[in-house]
Amino acid sequence: MFDTNGDTGAVDLEHAPALLTVKQTCATLNVSRNTVYNMIGSGKLERVKFGRAARIRTDSVARLLAQ
Protein backbone atom coordinates (compact mmCIF):
# COMPACT_ATOMS: atom_id res chain seq x y z
CA MET A 1 0.00 0.00 0.00
CA PHE A 2 1.09 3.59 -0.45
CA ASP A 3 1.52 6.29 2.15
CA THR A 4 -1.21 8.70 3.07
CA ASN A 5 -0.82 11.88 5.03
CA GLY A 6 -2.29 11.16 8.46
CA ASP A 7 -6.06 10.91 8.76
CA THR A 8 -6.76 13.26 5.84
CA GLY A 9 -6.37 10.55 3.20
CA ALA A 10 -4.02 12.78 1.20
CA VAL A 11 -1.58 10.78 -0.91
CA ASP A 12 2.21 11.06 -0.96
CA LEU A 13 2.51 11.49 -4.73
CA GLU A 14 6.12 10.26 -4.84
CA HIS A 15 5.02 6.81 -3.68
CA ALA A 16 1.50 6.73 -5.05
CA PRO A 17 0.10 4.34 -7.64
CA ALA A 18 -0.37 5.59 -11.21
CA LEU A 19 -4.09 6.17 -10.64
CA LEU A 20 -5.97 7.72 -7.71
CA THR A 21 -9.61 7.52 -6.76
CA VAL A 22 -11.68 10.68 -6.81
CA LYS A 23 -11.76 10.57 -2.99
CA GLN A 24 -7.94 10.35 -2.79
CA THR A 25 -7.65 13.20 -5.29
CA CYS A 26 -10.02 15.34 -3.22
CA ALA A 27 -7.97 14.72 -0.07
CA THR A 28 -4.65 15.35 -1.82
CA LEU A 29 -5.79 18.63 -3.37
CA ASN A 30 -7.95 19.57 -0.36
CA VAL A 31 -10.94 20.29 -2.62
CA SER A 32 -14.48 18.97 -2.95
CA ARG A 33 -15.67 16.16 -5.20
CA ASN A 34 -17.46 18.69 -7.43
CA THR A 35 -14.23 20.67 -7.82
CA VAL A 36 -12.37 17.53 -8.92
CA TYR A 37 -15.03 16.81 -11.55
CA ASN A 38 -14.90 20.46 -12.69
CA MET A 39 -11.11 20.15 -13.04
CA ILE A 40 -11.62 17.00 -15.12
CA GLY A 41 -14.14 18.80 -17.32
CA SER A 42 -11.82 21.75 -17.86
CA GLY A 43 -8.85 19.50 -18.71
CA LYS A 44 -6.80 20.35 -15.60
CA LEU A 45 -6.95 16.71 -14.45
CA GLU A 46 -6.83 13.56 -16.58
CA ARG A 47 -9.43 10.88 -15.90
CA VAL A 48 -9.34 7.20 -16.85
CA LYS A 49 -12.66 5.35 -16.81
CA PHE A 50 -13.15 1.67 -16.06
CA GLY A 51 -16.83 1.11 -16.69
CA ARG A 52 -18.52 3.42 -14.18
CA ALA A 53 -15.39 3.87 -12.05
CA ALA A 54 -13.26 6.97 -12.56
CA ARG A 55 -9.59 7.19 -11.66
CA ILE A 56 -7.36 10.25 -11.84
CA ARG A 57 -3.85 10.04 -13.23
CA THR A 58 -1.35 10.75 -10.45
CA ASP A 59 0.95 12.63 -12.81
CA SER A 60 -1.84 15.08 -13.68
CA VAL A 61 -2.37 15.78 -9.95
CA ALA A 62 1.38 16.35 -9.53
CA ARG A 63 1.44 18.74 -12.52
CA LEU A 64 -1.49 20.68 -11.08
CA LEU A 65 0.25 21.01 -7.71
CA ALA A 66 3.49 22.13 -9.39
CA GLN A 67 1.77 25.12 -11.03
C-alpha atoms as a PDB file:
ATOM      1  CA  MET A   1       0.000   0.000   0.000  1.00  0.00           C
ATOM      2  CA  PHE A   2       1.092   3.589  -0.453  1.00  0.00           C
ATOM      3  CA  ASP A   3       1.522   6.288   2.154  1.00  0.00           C
ATOM      4  CA  THR A   4      -1.212   8.698   3.073  1.00  0.00           C
ATOM      5  CA  ASN A   5      -0.821  11.883   5.028  1.00  0.00           C
ATOM      6  CA  GLY A   6      -2.289  11.160   8.463  1.00  0.00           C
ATOM      7  CA  ASP A   7      -6.056  10.913   8.761  1.00  0.00           C
ATOM      8  CA  THR A   8      -6.757  13.257   5.844  1.00  0.00           C
ATOM      9  CA  GLY A   9      -6.370  10.554   3.199  1.00  0.00           C
ATOM     10  CA  ALA A  10      -4.019  12.776   1.198  1.00  0.00           C
ATOM     11  CA  VAL A  11      -1.582  10.781  -0.912  1.00  0.00           C
ATOM     12  CA  ASP A  12       2.210  11.058  -0.958  1.00  0.00           C
ATOM     13  CA  LEU A  13       2.515  11.493  -4.732  1.00  0.00           C
ATOM     14  CA  GLU A  14       6.124  10.261  -4.837  1.00  0.00           C
ATOM     15  CA  HIS A  15       5.023   6.806  -3.678  1.00  0.00           C
ATOM     16  CA  ALA A  16       1.498   6.735  -5.052  1.00  0.00           C
ATOM     17  CA  PRO A  17       0.101   4.343  -7.638  1.00  0.00           C
ATOM     18  CA  ALA A  18      -0.370   5.590 -11.211  1.00  0.00           C
ATOM     19  CA  LEU A  19      -4.092   6.165 -10.640  1.00  0.00           C
ATOM     20  CA  LEU A  20      -5.967   7.719  -7.709  1.00  0.00           C
ATOM     21  CA  THR A  21      -9.608   7.519  -6.756  1.00  0.00           C
ATOM     22  CA  VAL A  22     -11.681  10.684  -6.808  1.00  0.00           C
ATOM     23  CA  LYS A  23     -11.756  10.566  -2.993  1.00  0.00           C
ATOM     24  CA  GLN A  24      -7.943  10.347  -2.789  1.00  0.00           C
ATOM     25  CA  THR A  25      -7.645  13.198  -5.285  1.00  0.00           C
ATOM     26  CA  CYS A  26     -10.023  15.343  -3.215  1.00  0.00           C
ATOM     27  CA  ALA A  27      -7.966  14.721  -0.075  1.00  0.00           C
ATOM     28  CA  THR A  28      -4.650  15.348  -1.819  1.00  0.00           C
ATOM     29  CA  LEU A  29      -5.786  18.632  -3.373  1.00  0.00           C
ATOM     30  CA  ASN A  30      -7.954  19.574  -0.362  1.00  0.00           C
ATOM     31  CA  VAL A  31     -10.939  20.288  -2.623  1.00  0.00           C
ATOM     32  CA  SER A  32     -14.484  18.972  -2.953  1.00  0.00           C
ATOM     33  CA  ARG A  33     -15.673  16.160  -5.196  1.00  0.00           C
ATOM     34  CA  ASN A  34     -17.457  18.689  -7.431  1.00  0.00           C
ATOM     35  CA  THR A  35     -14.231  20.670  -7.823  1.00  0.00           C
ATOM     36  CA  VAL A  36     -12.366  17.531  -8.925  1.00  0.00           C
ATOM     37  CA  TYR A  37     -15.035  16.809 -11.548  1.00  0.00           C
ATOM     38  CA  ASN A  38     -14.905  20.463 -12.690  1.00  0.00           C
ATOM     39  CA  MET A  39     -11.114  20.153 -13.041  1.00  0.00           C
ATOM     40  CA  ILE A  40     -11.618  16.997 -15.119  1.00  0.00           C
ATOM     41  CA  GLY A  41     -14.141  18.801 -17.318  1.00  0.00           C
ATOM     42  CA  SER A  42     -11.820  21.754 -17.865  1.00  0.00           C
ATOM     43  CA  GLY A  43      -8.854  19.505 -18.706  1.00  0.00           C
ATOM     44  CA  LYS A  44      -6.800  20.348 -15.603  1.00  0.00           C
ATOM     45  CA  LEU A  45      -6.950  16.707 -14.449  1.00  0.00           C
ATOM     46  CA  GLU A  46      -6.827  13.562 -16.584  1.00  0.00           C
ATOM     47  CA  ARG A  47      -9.430  10.878 -15.895  1.00  0.00           C
ATOM     48  CA  VAL A  48      -9.342   7.205 -16.846  1.00  0.00           C
ATOM     49  CA  LYS A  49     -12.660   5.352 -16.812  1.00  0.00           C
ATOM     50  CA  PHE A  50     -13.147   1.671 -16.058  1.00  0.00           C
ATOM     51  CA  GLY A  51     -16.832   1.112 -16.685  1.00  0.00           C
ATOM     52  CA  ARG A  52     -18.520   3.416 -14.180  1.00  0.00           C
ATOM     53  CA  ALA A  53     -15.392   3.868 -12.049  1.00  0.00           C
ATOM     54  CA  ALA A  54     -13.259   6.966 -12.563  1.00  0.00           C
ATOM     55  CA  ARG A  55      -9.588   7.192 -11.657  1.00  0.00           C
ATOM     56  CA  ILE A  56      -7.355  10.249 -11.835  1.00  0.00           C
ATOM     57  CA  ARG A  57      -3.846  10.045 -13.235  1.00  0.00           C
ATOM     58  CA  THR A  58      -1.349  10.752 -10.454  1.00  0.00           C
ATOM     59  CA  ASP A  59       0.954  12.630 -12.814  1.00  0.00           C
ATOM     60  CA  SER A  60      -1.837  15.078 -13.680  1.00  0.00           C
ATOM     61  CA  VAL A  61      -2.368  15.776  -9.952  1.00  0.00           C
ATOM     62  CA  ALA A  62       1.376  16.349  -9.534  1.00  0.00           C
ATOM     63  CA  ARG A  63       1.437  18.745 -12.522  1.00  0.00           C
ATOM     64  CA  LEU A  64      -1.491  20.679 -11.077  1.00  0.00           C
ATOM     65  CA  LEU A  65       0.251  21.007  -7.709  1.00  0.00           C
ATOM     66  CA  ALA A  66       3.486  22.129  -9.387  1.00  0.00           C
ATOM     67  CA  GLN A  67       1.773  25.119 -11.028  1.00  0.00           C
END
